[in-house]
Amino acid sequence: MTDPELQRVNDIALTAVQALLGLISSDVVAVAIAAEEERVLLSYWVRRHTAEIDEDIADAIGDLEAFLYPEVPLIEPRVMVGVPDVGNTQPHERMIYWAKS
């Protein structure tokens, strides 16, 4: 048997991967997702923060909301310029994309 909370986090991570298909530009370094009880944090690390990044994030959030329906958690984006420090990731945060160097 699996822990229901762990299963929920894993399900949301897999759903987020699907929502991101076609929405990762060459400026994206990495993407992670953290699922809490009432909130989902979608973290992007980018080479440079552009309007295209913001549009892709908005599209990804819309797709993720549609895929998670009828559950409607608050989905919050976070954008950081640079490379992620894995030691500073949030609890239950899953790296779902990391660009090849």
C-alpha atoms as a PDB file:
ATOM      1  CA  MET A   1       0.000   0.000   0.000  1.00  0.00           C
ATOM      2  CA  THR A   2       1.169   3.510  -0.740  1.00  0.00           C
ATOM      3  CA  ASP A   3       0.845   6.653   1.310  1.00  0.00           C
ATOM      4  CA  PRO A   4      -2.130   8.639  -0.126  1.00  0.00           C
ATOM      5  CA  GLU A   5      -0.296  11.983   0.188  1.00  0.00           C
ATOM      6  CA  LEU A   6       2.769  10.625  -1.620  1.00  0.00           C
ATOM      7  CA  GLN A   7       0.507   9.199  -4.331  1.00  0.00           C
ATOM      8  CA  ARG A   8      -1.184  12.605  -4.728  1.00  0.00           C
ATOM      9  CA  VAL A   9       2.188  14.382  -5.059  1.00  0.00           C
ATOM     10  CA  ASN A  10       3.358  11.843  -7.634  1.00  0.00           C
ATOM     11  CA  ASP A  11       0.083  12.116  -9.587  1.00  0.00           C
ATOM     12  CA  ILE A  12       0.335  15.916  -9.695  1.00  0.00           C
ATOM     13  CA  ALA A  13       3.980  15.713 -10.807  1.00  0.00           C
ATOM     14  CA  LEU A  14       3.073  13.380 -13.669  1.00  0.00           C
ATOM     15  CA  THR A  15       0.151  15.600 -14.634  1.00  0.00           C
ATOM     16  CA  ALA A  16       2.422  18.652 -14.617  1.00  0.00           C
ATOM     17  CA  VAL A  17       4.821  16.909 -17.018  1.00  0.00           C
ATOM     18  CA  GLN A  18       1.897  16.412 -19.390  1.00  0.00           C
ATOM     19  CA  ALA A  19       0.821  20.057 -18.984  1.00  0.00           C
ATOM     20  CA  LEU A  20       4.336  21.245 -19.864  1.00  0.00           C
ATOM     21  CA  LEU A  21       4.544  19.397 -23.170  1.00  0.00           C
ATOM     22  CA  GLY A  22       5.480  21.927 -25.827  1.00  0.00           C
ATOM     23  CA  LEU A  23       5.816  24.745 -23.279  1.00  0.00           C
ATOM     24  CA  ILE A  24       9.508  24.564 -22.400  1.00  0.00           C
ATOM     25  CA  SER A  25      11.595  27.064 -24.334  1.00  0.00           C
ATOM     26  CA  SER A  26      15.361  27.020 -24.726  1.00  0.00           C
ATOM     27  CA  ASP A  27      15.634  29.601 -21.902  1.00  0.00           C
ATOM     28  CA  VAL A  28      14.234  27.137 -19.336  1.00  0.00           C
ATOM     29  CA  VAL A  29      16.941  25.454 -17.262  1.00  0.00           C
ATOM     30  CA  ALA A  30      14.742  23.388 -14.929  1.00  0.00           C
ATOM     31  CA  VAL A  31      11.191  22.986 -13.650  1.00  0.00           C
ATOM     32  CA  ALA A  32      10.033  21.560 -10.330  1.00  0.00           C
ATOM     33  CA  ILE A  33       6.650  21.045  -8.730  1.00  0.00           C
ATOM     34  CA  ALA A  34       5.690  20.910  -5.073  1.00  0.00           C
ATOM     35  CA  ALA A  35       2.218  19.802  -4.066  1.00  0.00           C
ATOM     36  CA  GLU A  36       0.830  20.815  -0.725  1.00  0.00           C
ATOM     37  CA  GLU A  37      -2.666  20.231   0.615  1.00  0.00           C
ATOM     38  CA  GLU A  38      -4.283  23.336  -0.891  1.00  0.00           C
ATOM     39  CA  ARG A  39      -1.523  24.644  -3.169  1.00  0.00           C
ATOM     40  CA  VAL A  40       0.759  23.577  -6.004  1.00  0.00           C
ATOM     41  CA  LEU A  41       4.040  25.465  -6.470  1.00  0.00           C
ATOM     42  CA  LEU A  42       5.389  25.430 -10.033  1.00  0.00           C
ATOM     43  CA  SER A  43       9.051  26.553  -9.956  1.00  0.00           C
ATOM     44  CA  TYR A  44      10.987  27.569 -13.067  1.00  0.00           C
ATOM     45  CA  TRP A  45      14.706  28.267 -13.309  1.00  0.00           C
ATOM     46  CA  VAL A  46      15.512  30.213 -16.456  1.00  0.00           C
ATOM     47  CA  ARG A  47      18.527  31.662 -18.263  1.00  0.00           C
ATOM     48  CA  ARG A  48      16.623  34.925 -18.708  1.00  0.00           C
ATOM     49  CA  HIS A  49      13.104  35.929 -17.712  1.00  0.00           C
ATOM     50  CA  THR A  50      11.133  36.870 -20.837  1.00  0.00           C
ATOM     51  CA  ALA A  51       7.540  37.540 -21.812  1.00  0.00           C
ATOM     52  CA  GLU A  52       7.560  34.177 -23.620  1.00  0.00           C
ATOM     53  CA  ILE A  53       8.410  32.434 -20.329  1.00  0.00           C
ATOM     54  CA  ASP A  54       5.475  34.185 -18.626  1.00  0.00           C
ATOM     55  CA  GLU A  55       3.108  33.177 -21.449  1.00  0.00           C
ATOM     56  CA  ASP A  56       4.285  29.550 -21.314  1.00  0.00           C
ATOM     57  CA  ILE A  57       3.809  29.495 -17.533  1.00  0.00           C
ATOM     58  CA  ALA A  58       0.270  30.876 -17.875  1.00  0.00           C
ATOM     59  CA  ASP A  59      -0.521  28.223 -20.500  1.00  0.00           C
ATOM     60  CA  ALA A  60       0.974  25.457 -18.324  1.00  0.00           C
ATOM     61  CA  ILE A  61      -1.082  26.581 -15.315  1.00  0.00           C
ATOM     62  CA  GLY A  62      -4.260  26.615 -17.413  1.00  0.00           C
ATOM     63  CA  ASP A  63      -3.556  23.109 -18.709  1.00  0.00           C
ATOM     64  CA  LEU A  64      -2.662  21.831 -15.245  1.00  0.00           C
ATOM     65  CA  GLU A  65      -5.895  23.243 -13.811  1.00  0.00           C
ATOM     66  CA  ALA A  66      -7.871  21.525 -16.569  1.00  0.00           C
ATOM     67  CA  PHE A  67      -6.083  18.197 -16.019  1.00  0.00           C
ATOM     68  CA  LEU A  68      -6.587  18.344 -12.224  1.00  0.00           C
ATOM     69  CA  TYR A  69     -10.290  19.252 -12.419  1.00  0.00           C
ATOM     70  CA  PRO A  70     -12.458  18.783 -10.308  1.00  0.00           C
ATOM     71  CA  GLU A  71      -9.682  19.270  -7.744  1.00  0.00           C
ATOM     72  CA  VAL A  72      -8.815  22.945  -7.980  1.00  0.00           C
ATOM     73  CA  PRO A  73      -5.703  23.709  -5.926  1.00  0.00           C
ATOM     74  CA  LEU A  74      -4.142  27.161  -6.028  1.00  0.00           C
ATOM     75  CA  ILE A  75      -1.286  26.922  -8.551  1.00  0.00           C
ATOM     76  CA  GLU A  76       1.463  29.437  -7.870  1.00  0.00           C
ATOM     77  CA  PRO A  77       4.360  30.018 -10.274  1.00  0.00           C
ATOM     78  CA  ARG A  78       7.846  30.971  -9.150  1.00  0.00           C
ATOM     79  CA  VAL A  79      10.539  32.098 -11.608  1.00  0.00           C
ATOM     80  CA  MET A  80      14.228  32.302 -10.716  1.00  0.00           C
ATOM     81  CA  VAL A  81      17.080  33.266 -12.997  1.00  0.00           C
ATOM     82  CA  GLY A  82      19.973  30.814 -12.750  1.00  0.00           C
ATOM     83  CA  VAL A  83      20.542  27.164 -11.975  1.00  0.00           C
ATOM     84  CA  PRO A  84      18.640  25.369  -9.206  1.00  0.00           C
ATOM     85  CA  ASP A  85      20.346  24.443  -5.955  1.00  0.00           C
ATOM     86  CA  VAL A  86      18.881  21.016  -5.258  1.00  0.00           C
ATOM     87  CA  GLY A  87      19.745  21.432  -1.571  1.00  0.00           C
ATOM     88  CA  ASN A  88      17.235  24.290  -1.317  1.00  0.00           C
ATOM     89  CA  THR A  89      14.209  22.504  -2.779  1.00  0.00           C
ATOM     90  CA  GLN A  90      10.922  22.479  -0.889  1.00  0.00           C
ATOM     91  CA  PRO A  91       9.548  19.408   0.933  1.00  0.00           C
ATOM     92  CA  HIS A  92       7.790  17.094  -1.535  1.00  0.00           C
ATOM     93  CA  GLU A  93       9.241  19.100  -4.437  1.00  0.00           C
ATOM     94  CA  ARG A  94       9.890  17.057  -7.584  1.00  0.00           C
ATOM     95  CA  MET A  95      12.272  18.095 -10.345  1.00  0.00           C
ATOM     96  CA  ILE A  96      10.303  17.296 -13.503  1.00  0.00           C
ATOM     97  CA  TYR A  97      12.572  18.881 -16.122  1.00  0.00           C
ATOM     98  CA  TRP A  98      16.283  19.684 -16.286  1.00  0.00           C
ATOM     99  CA  ALA A  99      17.872  20.871 -19.524  1.00  0.00           C
ATOM    100  CA  LYS A 100      20.911  19.105 -20.874  1.00  0.00           C
ATOM    101  CA  SER A 101      24.077  21.146 -20.476  1.00  0.00           C
END
